[in-house]
Amino acid sequence: MALLQRVDDLGVAMQYHYIQNNPHPLGSKHLLNAAGQSNPYNRAHGHYHPYFRQYLETFGY
């Protein structure tokens, strides 16, 4: 529980958008490139995540 208490409001919001509100089912959450909001995190995630996903899928992580 101490770990959860260290998550700030932005972290909670990102967890909501990328996990809870992610339209992909459990086990496929990695298919979401970026959440719909326009902010620096989502832009960076949309840019870099496809490369990380390719690595994940190529090497079976």
C-alpha atoms as a PDB file:
ATOM      1  CA  MET A   1       0.000   0.000   0.000  1.00  0.00           C
ATOM      2  CA  ALA A   2       2.890   2.411   0.593  1.00  0.00           C
ATOM      3  CA  LEU A   3       3.759   2.241  -3.110  1.00  0.00           C
ATOM      4  CA  LEU A   4       0.265   3.365  -4.089  1.00  0.00           C
ATOM      5  CA  GLN A   5       0.469   6.310  -1.711  1.00  0.00           C
ATOM      6  CA  ARG A   6       3.483   7.622  -3.659  1.00  0.00           C
ATOM      7  CA  VAL A   7       1.586   7.865  -6.964  1.00  0.00           C
ATOM      8  CA  ASP A   8       0.789  11.508  -7.696  1.00  0.00           C
ATOM      9  CA  ASP A   9      -2.342  12.786  -9.448  1.00  0.00           C
ATOM     10  CA  LEU A  10      -0.707  12.663 -12.885  1.00  0.00           C
ATOM     11  CA  GLY A  11       0.322   9.039 -12.320  1.00  0.00           C
ATOM     12  CA  VAL A  12      -3.220   8.132 -11.317  1.00  0.00           C
ATOM     13  CA  ALA A  13      -4.570   9.881 -14.444  1.00  0.00           C
ATOM     14  CA  MET A  14      -2.147   8.026 -16.731  1.00  0.00           C
ATOM     15  CA  GLN A  15      -3.050   4.690 -15.106  1.00  0.00           C
ATOM     16  CA  TYR A  16      -6.687   5.491 -15.788  1.00  0.00           C
ATOM     17  CA  HIS A  17      -6.135   6.356 -19.448  1.00  0.00           C
ATOM     18  CA  TYR A  18      -3.649   3.597 -20.287  1.00  0.00           C
ATOM     19  CA  ILE A  19      -5.006   0.761 -18.146  1.00  0.00           C
ATOM     20  CA  GLN A  20      -8.559   1.208 -16.878  1.00  0.00           C
ATOM     21  CA  ASN A  21      -9.949   3.195 -19.844  1.00  0.00           C
ATOM     22  CA  ASN A  22      -7.860   1.300 -22.411  1.00  0.00           C
ATOM     23  CA  PRO A  23     -10.306  -0.293 -24.887  1.00  0.00           C
ATOM     24  CA  HIS A  24      -8.092  -3.358 -25.367  1.00  0.00           C
ATOM     25  CA  PRO A  25      -8.751  -6.390 -23.146  1.00  0.00           C
ATOM     26  CA  LEU A  26      -6.402  -7.581 -20.427  1.00  0.00           C
ATOM     27  CA  GLY A  27      -3.352  -9.107 -22.091  1.00  0.00           C
ATOM     28  CA  SER A  28      -3.587  -6.678 -25.004  1.00  0.00           C
ATOM     29  CA  LYS A  29      -3.258  -3.319 -23.234  1.00  0.00           C
ATOM     30  CA  HIS A  30       0.064  -2.815 -25.051  1.00  0.00           C
ATOM     31  CA  LEU A  31      -1.846  -2.263 -28.316  1.00  0.00           C
ATOM     32  CA  LEU A  32      -2.860   1.271 -27.279  1.00  0.00           C
ATOM     33  CA  ASN A  33      -0.372   3.717 -28.787  1.00  0.00           C
ATOM     34  CA  ALA A  34      -1.658   6.830 -27.049  1.00  0.00           C
ATOM     35  CA  ALA A  35      -4.625   8.025 -25.040  1.00  0.00           C
ATOM     36  CA  GLY A  36      -6.793  10.684 -26.654  1.00  0.00           C
ATOM     37  CA  GLN A  37      -5.701  13.705 -24.642  1.00  0.00           C
ATOM     38  CA  SER A  38      -3.194  16.132 -26.132  1.00  0.00           C
ATOM     39  CA  ASN A  39      -0.372  16.508 -23.630  1.00  0.00           C
ATOM     40  CA  PRO A  40       3.389  15.891 -23.717  1.00  0.00           C
ATOM     41  CA  TYR A  41       3.171  12.406 -22.190  1.00  0.00           C
ATOM     42  CA  ASN A  42       0.605  11.162 -24.695  1.00  0.00           C
ATOM     43  CA  ARG A  43       2.531  12.614 -27.628  1.00  0.00           C
ATOM     44  CA  ALA A  44       5.748  10.941 -26.455  1.00  0.00           C
ATOM     45  CA  HIS A  45       3.937   7.672 -25.753  1.00  0.00           C
ATOM     46  CA  GLY A  46       2.361   7.735 -29.211  1.00  0.00           C
ATOM     47  CA  HIS A  47       5.755   8.308 -30.799  1.00  0.00           C
ATOM     48  CA  TYR A  48       7.850   5.763 -28.879  1.00  0.00           C
ATOM     49  CA  HIS A  49       5.396   3.061 -27.854  1.00  0.00           C
ATOM     50  CA  PRO A  50       5.207   1.360 -31.288  1.00  0.00           C
ATOM     51  CA  TYR A  51       8.973   0.724 -31.081  1.00  0.00           C
ATOM     52  CA  PHE A  52       8.705  -0.741 -27.581  1.00  0.00           C
ATOM     53  CA  ARG A  53       5.719  -2.863 -28.638  1.00  0.00           C
ATOM     54  CA  GLN A  54       7.663  -4.216 -31.619  1.00  0.00           C
ATOM     55  CA  TYR A  55      10.507  -5.202 -29.275  1.00  0.00           C
ATOM     56  CA  LEU A  56       8.021  -6.771 -26.844  1.00  0.00           C
ATOM     57  CA  GLU A  57       6.362  -8.826 -29.570  1.00  0.00           C
ATOM     58  CA  THR A  58       9.591  -9.768 -31.361  1.00  0.00           C
ATOM     59  CA  PHE A  59      11.255 -11.125 -28.228  1.00  0.00           C
ATOM     60  CA  GLY A  60       8.122 -12.532 -26.564  1.00  0.00           C
ATOM     61  CA  TYR A  61       7.897 -10.304 -23.511  1.00  0.00           C
END
